[in-house]
Amino acid sequence: MDPQGERRRLLDEEDGDEDPPGPGPVSEQDAYLRSDSGFQLSDLKDPGVYKPLLIGVMLMGFQQMTGINAIMFYAEDIFRQAHFKVYRGESDLASVIVGLIQVFFTGVAALIMDRAGRKILLIISGIAMAISTTSFGVYFYLVSRVPSVGEEPHADLSWLALASMAVFITGFALGWGPIPWLVMSEIFPSKVRGVASAACVLTNWSMAFLVTKTFQDMMGLLTSAGTFWLFGSMCVLNVLFTIVFVPETKGKTLEQIEATFRGTSREDSGKVMIWNMAPVLRDEDEKNENIPKMLCQMDNHLDVMDVAWSPHDVWLASCSVDNTIVIWNARKFPEMVTCLRGHTGLVKGLTWDPVGKYVASQADDHSLRVWRTMDWQMEANITKPFSECGGTTHVLRLSWSPDGQYLVSAHAMNNSGPTAQIVERDGWKTNMDFVGHRKAVTVVKFNPKIFKKKQKNGSAPKPGCPYCCCAVGSKDRSLSVWRLAREFTCRTTADEAQLRRRVSASDRSC
């Protein structure tokens, strides 16, 4: 027995989800997580960091340079200087109406931004604000030129001020109000998100204070018309900046967005390479060498997450962070058979059924999909077991049983507990699952053999009693081995050293 391993196991049980303390070998996942956490100044050399940071800061700065806070804060004064005809209490009512317009159209933006896209809404919003602030400036210019009777100019000009204000608030609420905050949450890599977000928020509030503080001074120095024309020019710059520098993030993963900022093209961001592993035959006096030789490479992906060969090596399937599955002709590389689309999240796992009739995929969109190889159409879309799953995992490795009757997925939930979902081929039912792990299941794998249980006296197996074994791995650093379809665990362990021994023992017993 390994005392150190036993101590770590006991501590792990006592601490629940906490990782056991004490020295020990650092796993590959731990090293990845540690290297991916924490901001360092050297990260600013990475275009995947400094480009989104500059864009985020500029978006926040431009948001305030439209003059939104100054206009909202001094709305009553603006109407008063515009000589807009109001009676007692109606100036307060005008400000309330302006606020209601902003709330209503912000809700409209929330409903349409995932359909229309962030970038197009920013452009439309900027154009609307540029037109409205320019017309506001024209109004003040005309007011200063038109002789007034008493205290009020022509009534039509007064309504121009109200219309300009309404268009400005509507345009801001549709785009430049909510979308910079949304884009900021989407473009920063996870390791710098905290620092970068803080820099953007600091920029936003600093510019809000500066614009609001100097608004009255600008009105006196540049006149009312000049001040609004200045805001209009800022809105024009907003539009140009958006067109040139702001990427469209709708429907894109963080990996795709990072690839955009790093200038990574599709050709070098995701490749599938086929290698010949046969030994190189030398002359009689020379030794043969096992030197892999690349036969071809296929470029039709962003970062590739998984690949899987079909039975009889007819097809090769690959999946990627671009939410697609590409089927390649394994007998005529690099010929592409088809591209399967439908997932809305990173596709992280693939598996074929034993006869090659179906290929299954699992993605971060909380779904498992089964595709027919006859016509490459979707056979089933299974979502219910994954609807409660929170967050994501590095991988999602699913597996098909060797008899073809069961498909087991990773990262499912049942009554708020992590499970590996069993999907029955007959009707794609999801009535069974493997339970017991404390954290998300990341990988499952069937033993390719079909076993038969021996009789108690050790004699030959009874006919008609076959079963399959499935291994389930989890983020809780444990592995369980299951015998299907009897729902009990054959072996389970939480320590790497014991894991090797116990899995070996389970192989012998099976």
Protein backbone atom coordinates (compact mmCIF):
# COMPACT_ATOMS: atom_id res chain seq x y z
CA MET A 1 0.00 0.00 0.00
CA ASP A 2 1.21 3.47 -0.84
CA PRO A 3 1.12 5.56 2.43
CA GLN A 4 1.49 8.85 0.59
CA GLY A 5 -1.28 7.96 -1.82
CA GLU A 6 -3.54 6.79 0.99
CA ARG A 7 -2.93 10.04 2.91
CA ARG A 8 -3.84 12.08 -0.17
CA ARG A 9 -7.00 9.99 -0.67
CA LEU A 10 -8.14 10.51 2.93
CA LEU A 11 -7.44 14.24 2.79
CA ASP A 12 -9.36 14.45 -0.45
CA GLU A 13 -12.37 12.78 1.15
CA GLU A 14 -12.24 15.08 4.18
CA ASP A 15 -11.84 18.28 2.20
CA GLY A 16 -14.61 17.55 -0.31
CA ASP A 17 -13.95 19.39 -3.53
CA GLU A 18 -10.71 20.92 -2.31
CA ASP A 19 -7.52 19.55 -3.82
CA PRO A 20 -5.35 17.63 -1.35
CA PRO A 21 -2.48 19.69 0.06
CA GLY A 22 1.10 18.71 0.30
CA PRO A 23 3.86 18.14 -2.21
CA GLY A 24 3.33 15.86 -5.08
CA PRO A 25 3.72 15.60 -8.81
CA VAL A 26 2.05 18.37 -10.75
CA SER A 27 -0.39 17.02 -13.30
CA GLU A 28 -0.51 18.30 -16.85
CA GLN A 29 -3.90 19.88 -16.17
CA ASP A 30 -2.61 21.63 -13.04
CA ALA A 31 0.36 22.98 -14.98
CA TYR A 32 -1.93 24.24 -17.71
CA LEU A 33 -4.26 25.96 -15.24
CA ARG A 34 -1.38 27.55 -13.37
CA SER A 35 0.25 28.80 -16.53
CA ASP A 36 -3.08 30.20 -17.69
CA SER A 37 -3.71 32.21 -14.52
CA GLY A 38 -2.29 35.55 -13.57
CA PHE A 39 -1.46 38.64 -15.60
CA GLN A 40 2.13 39.61 -16.31
CA LEU A 41 3.46 42.67 -18.09
CA SER A 42 5.10 40.41 -20.65
CA ASP A 43 1.58 39.40 -21.75
CA LEU A 44 1.20 42.84 -23.32
CA LYS A 45 3.55 41.73 -26.08
CA ASP A 46 0.97 39.19 -27.19
CA PRO A 47 -1.34 40.59 -29.90
CA GLY A 48 -4.05 38.37 -28.47
CA VAL A 49 -3.84 40.50 -25.32
CA TYR A 50 -2.92 44.06 -26.27
CA LYS A 51 -5.25 44.28 -29.28
CA PRO A 52 -8.46 43.44 -27.38
CA LEU A 53 -7.27 45.60 -24.49
CA LEU A 54 -6.84 48.63 -26.75
CA ILE A 55 -10.18 47.97 -28.42
CA GLY A 56 -11.92 47.65 -25.06
CA VAL A 57 -10.38 50.88 -23.75
CA MET A 58 -11.27 52.77 -26.93
CA LEU A 59 -14.84 51.47 -26.89
CA MET A 60 -15.30 52.70 -23.33
CA GLY A 61 -13.70 56.03 -24.11
CA PHE A 62 -15.79 56.58 -27.25
CA GLN A 63 -18.94 55.60 -25.36
CA GLN A 64 -18.52 58.61 -23.07
CA MET A 65 -17.21 60.94 -25.78
CA THR A 66 -20.60 60.74 -27.45
CA GLY A 67 -21.69 63.01 -24.59
CA ILE A 68 -24.36 60.67 -23.25
CA ASN A 69 -23.84 61.37 -19.55
CA ALA A 70 -23.50 65.11 -20.08
CA ILE A 71 -26.67 65.23 -22.18
CA MET A 72 -28.65 63.14 -19.69
CA PHE A 73 -27.36 65.12 -16.70
CA TYR A 74 -28.05 68.51 -18.27
CA ALA A 75 -31.22 67.50 -20.18
CA GLU A 76 -33.36 70.12 -18.47
CA ASP A 77 -30.74 72.85 -19.01
CA ILE A 78 -30.48 71.86 -22.69
CA PHE A 79 -34.24 72.19 -23.13
CA ARG A 80 -34.18 75.48 -21.30
CA GLN A 81 -31.38 76.86 -23.48
CA ALA A 82 -33.28 75.60 -26.51
CA HIS A 83 -36.29 77.65 -25.33
CA PHE A 84 -38.42 74.53 -25.63
CA LYS A 85 -41.99 75.38 -24.65
CA VAL A 86 -42.65 73.75 -21.28
CA TYR A 87 -44.91 74.56 -18.43
CA ARG A 88 -44.40 74.03 -14.74
CA GLY A 89 -43.32 70.46 -14.06
CA GLU A 90 -43.06 69.54 -17.76
CA SER A 91 -39.27 69.84 -17.80
CA ASP A 92 -39.09 67.02 -15.25
CA LEU A 93 -41.53 65.04 -17.36
CA ALA A 94 -39.32 65.48 -20.42
CA SER A 95 -36.35 63.99 -18.53
CA VAL A 96 -38.49 61.04 -17.40
CA ILE A 97 -39.57 60.39 -20.99
CA VAL A 98 -35.95 60.45 -22.12
CA GLY A 99 -35.09 57.88 -19.44
CA LEU A 100 -37.97 55.62 -20.47
CA ILE A 101 -36.83 55.74 -24.08
CA GLN A 102 -33.37 54.58 -23.01
CA VAL A 103 -34.72 51.69 -20.93
CA PHE A 104 -37.11 50.52 -23.66
CA PHE A 105 -34.58 50.48 -26.49
CA THR A 106 -31.92 48.87 -24.31
CA GLY A 107 -34.36 45.98 -23.91
CA VAL A 108 -34.86 45.92 -27.68
CA ALA A 109 -31.08 45.76 -28.15
CA ALA A 110 -30.86 42.81 -25.75
CA LEU A 111 -33.40 40.94 -27.89
CA ILE A 112 -31.81 41.55 -31.28
CA MET A 113 -28.05 41.74 -30.67
CA ASP A 114 -27.55 37.96 -31.00
CA ARG A 115 -29.38 38.00 -34.32
CA ALA A 116 -28.15 41.24 -35.84
CA GLY A 117 -24.61 41.11 -34.46
CA ARG A 118 -22.63 43.47 -32.25
CA LYS A 119 -20.72 45.29 -34.94
CA ILE A 120 -23.69 46.23 -37.12
CA LEU A 121 -25.59 47.59 -34.12
CA LEU A 122 -22.59 49.70 -33.11
CA ILE A 123 -22.39 51.13 -36.63
CA ILE A 124 -26.14 51.88 -36.87
CA SER A 125 -26.11 53.34 -33.36
CA GLY A 126 -23.14 55.58 -34.15
CA ILE A 127 -24.73 56.85 -37.36
CA ALA A 128 -28.00 57.63 -35.55
CA MET A 129 -26.17 59.53 -32.80
CA ALA A 130 -24.03 61.42 -35.33
CA ILE A 131 -27.15 62.56 -37.20
CA SER A 132 -29.01 63.53 -34.04
CA THR A 133 -26.15 65.49 -32.45
CA THR A 134 -25.50 67.26 -35.74
CA SER A 135 -29.18 68.22 -36.03
CA PHE A 136 -29.10 69.36 -32.41
CA GLY A 137 -26.17 71.60 -33.28
CA VAL A 138 -28.04 72.90 -36.33
CA TYR A 139 -31.01 73.65 -34.07
CA PHE A 140 -28.91 75.72 -31.67
CA TYR A 141 -27.26 77.49 -34.60
CA LEU A 142 -30.62 78.41 -36.09
CA VAL A 143 -31.95 79.50 -32.72
CA SER A 144 -29.05 81.89 -32.37
CA ARG A 145 -29.75 83.32 -35.85
CA VAL A 146 -33.55 83.50 -35.88
CA PRO A 147 -35.01 86.60 -34.21
CA SER A 148 -37.09 85.56 -31.23
CA VAL A 149 -40.44 86.94 -30.19
CA GLY A 150 -40.45 87.19 -26.42
CA GLU A 151 -38.52 84.16 -25.22
CA GLU A 152 -39.47 81.51 -27.74
CA PRO A 153 -38.33 80.85 -31.30
CA HIS A 154 -40.43 79.23 -33.96
CA ALA A 155 -42.35 76.19 -32.65
CA ASP A 156 -41.02 73.87 -35.38
CA LEU A 157 -37.45 74.48 -34.24
CA SER A 158 -38.39 73.65 -30.66
CA TRP A 159 -39.70 70.26 -31.73
CA LEU A 160 -36.45 69.65 -33.63
CA ALA A 161 -34.65 69.73 -30.29
CA LEU A 162 -36.95 67.12 -28.79
CA ALA A 163 -36.74 64.89 -31.90
CA SER A 164 -32.92 65.11 -31.90
CA MET A 165 -32.82 64.16 -28.23
CA ALA A 166 -35.14 61.18 -28.79
CA VAL A 167 -33.12 59.88 -31.77
CA PHE A 168 -29.87 60.29 -29.84
CA ILE A 169 -31.12 58.33 -26.81
CA THR A 170 -32.64 55.65 -29.06
CA GLY A 171 -29.40 55.22 -31.00
CA PHE A 172 -27.31 55.07 -27.84
CA ALA A 173 -29.57 52.48 -26.19
CA LEU A 174 -29.54 50.26 -29.28
CA GLY A 175 -25.77 50.07 -29.59
CA TRP A 176 -23.23 52.19 -27.82
CA GLY A 177 -24.96 51.83 -24.47
CA PRO A 178 -24.99 48.04 -23.82
CA ILE A 179 -22.78 46.56 -26.54
CA PRO A 180 -19.33 47.88 -25.46
CA TRP A 181 -19.87 46.13 -22.12
CA LEU A 182 -20.86 42.92 -23.89
CA VAL A 183 -17.92 43.03 -26.30
CA MET A 184 -15.58 43.67 -23.37
CA SER A 185 -16.75 40.42 -21.75
CA GLU A 186 -16.17 38.47 -24.98
CA ILE A 187 -12.81 39.59 -26.34
CA PHE A 188 -10.45 39.28 -23.36
CA PRO A 189 -8.49 36.06 -22.75
CA SER A 190 -9.33 34.51 -19.39
CA LYS A 191 -5.88 35.13 -17.89
CA VAL A 192 -6.10 38.92 -18.35
CA ARG A 193 -9.86 39.40 -18.13
CA GLY A 194 -9.80 40.82 -14.62
CA VAL A 195 -7.05 43.36 -15.25
CA ALA A 196 -8.30 44.31 -18.71
CA SER A 197 -11.88 44.76 -17.53
CA ALA A 198 -10.70 46.96 -14.67
CA ALA A 199 -8.75 49.14 -17.12
CA CYS A 200 -11.81 49.52 -19.32
CA VAL A 201 -14.10 50.41 -16.42
CA LEU A 202 -11.55 52.95 -15.18
CA THR A 203 -11.44 54.50 -18.65
CA ASN A 204 -15.22 54.64 -18.83
CA TRP A 205 -15.73 56.43 -15.53
CA SER A 206 -12.75 58.73 -16.03
CA MET A 207 -14.10 59.88 -19.39
CA ALA A 208 -17.62 60.20 -17.93
CA PHE A 209 -16.28 62.52 -15.23
CA LEU A 210 -14.19 64.52 -17.71
CA VAL A 211 -17.00 65.03 -20.24
CA THR A 212 -19.61 65.86 -17.61
CA LYS A 213 -17.26 68.23 -15.77
CA THR A 214 -16.29 70.16 -18.89
CA PHE A 215 -19.69 70.17 -20.61
CA GLN A 216 -20.76 73.59 -19.37
CA ASP A 217 -17.33 75.04 -20.13
CA MET A 218 -17.52 73.66 -23.68
CA MET A 219 -20.99 75.18 -24.10
CA GLY A 220 -19.54 78.55 -23.16
CA LEU A 221 -16.35 78.22 -25.20
CA LEU A 222 -17.66 76.50 -28.36
CA THR A 223 -21.28 77.66 -28.07
CA SER A 224 -24.11 75.14 -27.82
CA ALA A 225 -24.01 74.42 -31.55
CA GLY A 226 -20.25 73.85 -31.58
CA THR A 227 -20.43 71.52 -28.57
CA PHE A 228 -23.00 69.26 -30.20
CA TRP A 229 -21.11 69.28 -33.49
CA LEU A 230 -18.06 68.12 -31.51
CA PHE A 231 -20.10 65.25 -30.10
CA GLY A 232 -21.27 64.50 -33.63
CA SER A 233 -17.69 64.28 -34.87
CA MET A 234 -16.93 61.85 -32.01
CA CYS A 235 -19.85 59.72 -33.17
CA VAL A 236 -18.42 59.67 -36.70
CA LEU A 237 -15.09 58.54 -35.27
CA ASN A 238 -16.98 55.83 -33.34
CA VAL A 239 -18.38 54.47 -36.59
CA LEU A 240 -15.02 54.53 -38.38
CA PHE A 241 -13.28 52.87 -35.43
CA THR A 242 -15.93 50.14 -35.32
CA ILE A 243 -15.69 49.43 -39.04
CA VAL A 244 -11.89 49.22 -39.05
CA PHE A 245 -10.94 47.69 -35.70
CA VAL A 246 -13.84 46.05 -33.87
CA PRO A 247 -14.34 42.37 -34.78
CA GLU A 248 -17.74 40.73 -34.94
CA THR A 249 -18.03 38.40 -31.95
CA LYS A 250 -21.53 37.05 -32.54
CA GLY A 251 -21.52 33.26 -32.44
CA LYS A 252 -17.74 33.03 -32.06
CA THR A 253 -15.83 31.17 -29.40
CA LEU A 254 -13.05 32.68 -27.34
CA GLU A 255 -10.52 30.62 -29.31
CA GLN A 256 -11.83 32.01 -32.60
CA ILE A 257 -11.71 35.57 -31.29
CA GLU A 258 -8.15 35.11 -30.02
CA ALA A 259 -7.14 33.70 -33.41
CA THR A 260 -8.59 36.83 -35.04
CA PHE A 261 -6.53 39.15 -32.86
CA ARG A 262 -3.36 37.14 -33.34
CA GLY A 263 -3.82 37.27 -37.09
CA THR A 264 -4.05 33.50 -37.26
CA SER A 265 -5.53 32.41 -40.54
CA ARG A 266 -7.63 29.34 -41.10
CA GLU A 267 -4.73 27.71 -42.95
CA ASP A 268 -2.39 27.66 -39.97
CA SER A 269 -4.80 27.62 -37.04
CA GLY A 270 -6.22 24.12 -37.48
CA LYS A 271 -4.70 21.24 -39.42
CA VAL A 272 -5.38 17.54 -39.62
CA MET A 273 -2.19 15.68 -40.58
CA ILE A 274 -1.96 12.08 -41.75
CA TRP A 275 1.30 10.25 -40.94
CA ASN A 276 2.79 7.02 -42.21
CA MET A 277 4.17 5.11 -39.21
CA ALA A 278 5.69 2.23 -41.20
CA PRO A 279 9.44 1.76 -40.64
CA VAL A 280 11.85 3.01 -43.28
CA LEU A 281 13.66 0.01 -44.78
CA ARG A 282 17.42 0.44 -45.12
CA ASP A 283 20.15 -1.58 -46.78
CA GLU A 284 21.25 -4.85 -45.21
CA ASP A 285 24.12 -3.21 -43.36
CA GLU A 286 21.92 -0.44 -41.95
CA LYS A 287 19.25 -0.54 -39.30
CA ASN A 288 15.65 0.09 -40.14
CA GLU A 289 14.35 3.33 -38.64
CA ASN A 290 10.89 4.13 -37.40
CA ILE A 291 10.68 7.63 -38.83
CA PRO A 292 7.10 8.91 -39.23
CA LYS A 293 6.39 10.45 -42.60
CA MET A 294 3.62 12.98 -43.15
CA LEU A 295 1.45 11.90 -46.07
CA CYS A 296 -0.87 14.91 -46.28
CA GLN A 297 -2.51 17.66 -44.28
CA MET A 298 -6.08 18.93 -44.46
CA ASP A 299 -7.00 22.54 -43.74
CA ASN A 300 -10.66 23.17 -43.15
CA HIS A 301 -10.80 23.97 -39.45
CA LEU A 302 -9.84 26.29 -36.67
CA ASP A 303 -8.23 24.56 -33.67
CA VAL A 304 -8.98 20.82 -33.86
CA MET A 305 -10.34 19.25 -30.65
CA ASP A 306 -10.69 15.57 -31.56
CA VAL A 307 -10.36 13.09 -34.44
CA ALA A 308 -11.85 9.61 -34.87
CA TRP A 309 -11.45 6.87 -37.48
CA SER A 310 -14.57 5.07 -38.67
CA PRO A 311 -14.75 1.27 -38.66
CA HIS A 312 -12.92 -0.28 -41.61
CA ASP A 313 -11.05 3.04 -42.08
CA VAL A 314 -13.59 4.42 -44.54
CA TRP A 315 -13.81 7.92 -43.05
CA LEU A 316 -11.96 10.16 -40.65
CA ALA A 317 -13.95 12.64 -38.59
CA SER A 318 -12.48 15.78 -37.01
CA CYS A 319 -14.13 18.41 -34.84
CA SER A 320 -13.08 21.92 -33.98
CA VAL A 321 -13.68 25.12 -32.03
CA ASP A 322 -15.44 26.43 -35.14
CA ASN A 323 -18.48 24.33 -34.07
CA THR A 324 -18.23 21.95 -37.04
CA ILE A 325 -17.43 18.29 -37.77
CA VAL A 326 -15.58 17.55 -40.99
CA ILE A 327 -15.77 14.08 -42.56
CA TRP A 328 -12.74 13.13 -44.66
CA ASN A 329 -12.46 10.33 -47.22
CA ALA A 330 -9.89 8.09 -45.55
CA ARG A 331 -9.12 6.35 -48.83
CA LYS A 332 -8.58 9.51 -50.86
CA PHE A 333 -6.93 12.02 -48.54
CA PRO A 334 -7.28 15.02 -48.52
CA GLU A 335 -10.76 14.73 -50.05
CA MET A 336 -13.48 16.16 -47.81
CA VAL A 337 -16.79 14.28 -47.84
CA THR A 338 -18.95 16.78 -45.95
CA CYS A 339 -19.02 19.32 -43.13
CA LEU A 340 -21.62 18.69 -40.42
CA ARG A 341 -23.09 21.87 -38.95
CA GLY A 342 -25.61 22.33 -36.19
CA HIS A 343 -23.69 22.69 -32.94
CA THR A 344 -23.54 26.20 -31.50
CA GLY A 345 -20.57 25.57 -29.22
CA LEU A 346 -17.09 24.08 -29.35
CA VAL A 347 -17.28 20.46 -30.55
CA LYS A 348 -14.95 18.55 -28.22
CA GLY A 349 -15.61 14.87 -28.78
CA LEU A 350 -16.39 12.32 -31.53
CA THR A 351 -17.08 8.60 -31.67
CA TRP A 352 -18.32 6.11 -34.28
CA ASP A 353 -20.68 3.22 -33.72
CA PRO A 354 -19.05 -0.21 -34.30
CA VAL A 355 -20.46 -0.70 -37.79
CA GLY A 356 -20.01 2.87 -39.04
CA LYS A 357 -23.70 3.64 -39.38
CA TYR A 358 -23.58 6.64 -37.04
CA VAL A 359 -21.09 9.19 -35.77
CA ALA A 360 -21.81 11.01 -32.50
CA SER A 361 -20.52 14.40 -31.38
CA GLN A 362 -20.65 16.32 -28.10
CA ALA A 363 -20.16 20.06 -27.73
CA ASP A 364 -20.19 22.93 -25.26
CA ASP A 365 -23.71 23.87 -26.39
CA HIS A 366 -25.05 21.27 -23.92
CA SER A 367 -25.98 18.79 -26.60
CA LEU A 368 -25.02 15.40 -27.98
CA ARG A 369 -25.86 14.84 -31.61
CA VAL A 370 -25.98 11.62 -33.62
CA TRP A 371 -25.44 11.83 -37.38
CA ARG A 372 -26.33 9.25 -40.04
CA THR A 373 -23.56 8.25 -42.41
CA MET A 374 -26.08 7.26 -45.07
CA ASP A 375 -27.00 10.86 -45.89
CA TRP A 376 -24.98 12.79 -43.26
CA GLN A 377 -28.13 14.19 -41.67
CA MET A 378 -28.80 14.48 -37.95
CA GLU A 379 -30.48 11.43 -36.48
CA ALA A 380 -30.91 12.69 -32.90
CA ASN A 381 -30.24 15.80 -30.85
CA ILE A 382 -30.03 14.94 -27.14
CA THR A 383 -30.08 17.91 -24.76
CA LYS A 384 -32.04 17.07 -21.61
CA PRO A 385 -29.21 15.36 -19.63
CA PHE A 386 -26.90 18.33 -20.33
CA SER A 387 -29.26 21.26 -19.72
CA GLU A 388 -28.10 21.70 -16.10
CA CYS A 389 -24.40 21.46 -16.87
CA GLY A 390 -22.57 24.60 -15.84
CA GLY A 391 -19.28 25.84 -17.26
CA THR A 392 -17.16 23.89 -19.68
CA THR A 393 -14.48 21.21 -19.59
CA HIS A 394 -11.21 20.97 -21.49
CA VAL A 395 -12.39 17.86 -23.33
CA LEU A 396 -15.63 15.93 -23.88
CA ARG A 397 -14.76 12.34 -24.81
CA LEU A 398 -17.74 10.09 -25.48
CA SER A 399 -17.68 6.41 -26.44
CA TRP A 400 -19.81 3.75 -28.12
CA SER A 401 -20.11 0.25 -26.68
CA PRO A 402 -18.59 -2.57 -28.75
CA ASP A 403 -22.02 -4.17 -29.24
CA GLY A 404 -23.37 -0.85 -30.55
CA GLN A 405 -26.28 -0.76 -28.11
CA TYR A 406 -25.08 2.05 -25.83
CA LEU A 407 -23.53 5.46 -26.31
CA VAL A 408 -22.05 7.04 -23.18
CA SER A 409 -21.42 10.77 -22.96
CA ALA A 410 -19.29 13.00 -20.78
CA HIS A 411 -20.37 15.98 -18.65
CA ALA A 412 -24.04 15.23 -17.95
CA MET A 413 -26.08 16.06 -14.84
CA ASN A 414 -28.76 14.24 -12.88
CA ASN A 415 -30.38 15.93 -9.87
CA SER A 416 -27.50 18.45 -9.81
CA GLY A 417 -24.93 15.65 -9.64
CA PRO A 418 -22.29 14.98 -12.35
CA THR A 419 -22.89 11.81 -14.34
CA ALA A 420 -21.91 10.01 -17.52
CA GLN A 421 -25.12 9.68 -19.51
CA ILE A 422 -26.01 6.34 -21.08
CA VAL A 423 -27.90 6.71 -24.36
CA GLU A 424 -29.66 3.58 -25.63
CA ARG A 425 -29.51 3.09 -29.36
CA ASP A 426 -33.10 1.88 -29.36
CA GLY A 427 -34.98 5.19 -29.54
CA TRP A 428 -32.04 7.19 -28.14
CA LYS A 429 -33.46 6.91 -24.63
CA THR A 430 -31.61 8.43 -21.68
CA ASN A 431 -32.93 6.45 -18.74
CA MET A 432 -29.61 5.30 -17.26
CA ASP A 433 -26.37 6.97 -16.22
CA PHE A 434 -23.15 6.36 -14.33
CA VAL A 435 -23.19 8.29 -11.05
CA GLY A 436 -20.76 8.74 -8.19
CA HIS A 437 -18.21 11.31 -9.33
CA ARG A 438 -18.02 14.60 -7.42
CA LYS A 439 -17.00 16.75 -10.37
CA ALA A 440 -17.73 16.91 -14.09
CA VAL A 441 -17.06 13.79 -16.15
CA THR A 442 -14.63 14.61 -18.95
CA VAL A 443 -13.92 11.29 -20.64
CA VAL A 444 -15.51 7.86 -21.05
CA LYS A 445 -14.11 4.84 -22.90
CA PHE A 446 -15.52 1.38 -23.56
CA ASN A 447 -13.26 -1.65 -23.58
CA PRO A 448 -13.44 -2.86 -27.21
CA LYS A 449 -14.06 -6.46 -26.05
CA ILE A 450 -17.37 -8.06 -25.14
CA PHE A 451 -16.95 -10.16 -22.01
CA LYS A 452 -18.83 -13.13 -20.61
CA LYS A 453 -19.15 -13.64 -16.89
CA LYS A 454 -17.63 -16.84 -15.55
CA GLN A 455 -19.62 -19.14 -13.32
CA LYS A 456 -18.93 -19.17 -9.57
CA ASN A 457 -16.98 -22.42 -9.81
CA GLY A 458 -14.66 -20.88 -12.41
CA SER A 459 -15.97 -22.98 -15.26
CA ALA A 460 -16.67 -21.64 -18.75
CA PRO A 461 -19.01 -18.66 -19.06
CA LYS A 462 -22.68 -19.25 -19.42
CA PRO A 463 -24.01 -18.71 -22.93
CA GLY A 464 -26.04 -15.54 -23.43
CA CYS A 465 -24.45 -13.49 -20.62
CA PRO A 466 -22.24 -10.94 -22.40
CA TYR A 467 -21.43 -7.56 -20.88
CA CYS A 468 -19.28 -4.51 -21.63
CA CYS A 469 -16.88 -2.56 -19.44
CA CYS A 470 -16.70 1.22 -19.52
CA ALA A 471 -14.14 3.50 -17.84
CA VAL A 472 -15.25 6.95 -16.70
CA GLY A 473 -12.79 9.77 -15.88
CA SER A 474 -13.66 12.96 -14.02
CA LYS A 475 -12.25 16.33 -12.95
CA ASP A 476 -12.28 14.99 -9.38
CA ARG A 477 -9.12 13.08 -10.36
CA SER A 478 -10.77 9.71 -10.14
CA LEU A 479 -11.55 6.90 -12.55
CA SER A 480 -14.41 4.44 -12.24
CA VAL A 481 -14.87 1.25 -14.23
CA TRP A 482 -18.40 0.04 -14.85
CA ARG A 483 -19.96 -3.20 -16.04
CA LEU A 484 -22.89 -2.53 -18.34
CA ALA A 485 -25.79 -2.98 -17.90
CA ARG A 486 -25.59 -3.86 -14.18
CA GLU A 487 -25.41 -0.54 -12.38
CA PHE A 488 -22.54 -0.94 -9.97
CA THR A 489 -18.92 0.12 -9.99
CA CYS A 490 -16.25 -2.50 -10.50
CA ARG A 491 -13.30 -0.36 -9.45
CA THR A 492 -12.83 3.23 -8.34
CA THR A 493 -9.84 5.15 -7.04
CA ALA A 494 -8.74 8.74 -6.46
CA ASP A 495 -4.99 8.19 -6.40
CA GLU A 496 -2.86 7.82 -9.48
CA ALA A 497 -0.57 5.16 -7.99
CA GLN A 498 -3.47 3.01 -6.80
CA LEU A 499 -5.27 3.67 -10.08
CA ARG A 500 -2.68 1.77 -12.11
CA ARG A 501 -2.83 -1.26 -9.82
CA ARG A 502 -6.60 -1.35 -9.55
CA VAL A 503 -7.31 -0.94 -13.22
CA SER A 504 -4.83 -3.72 -13.96
CA ALA A 505 -6.61 -5.88 -11.39
CA SER A 506 -9.99 -5.09 -12.94
CA ASP A 507 -8.67 -6.08 -16.38
CA ARG A 508 -7.59 -9.44 -15.00
CA SER A 509 -10.92 -9.99 -13.27
CA CYS A 510 -12.86 -9.12 -16.42
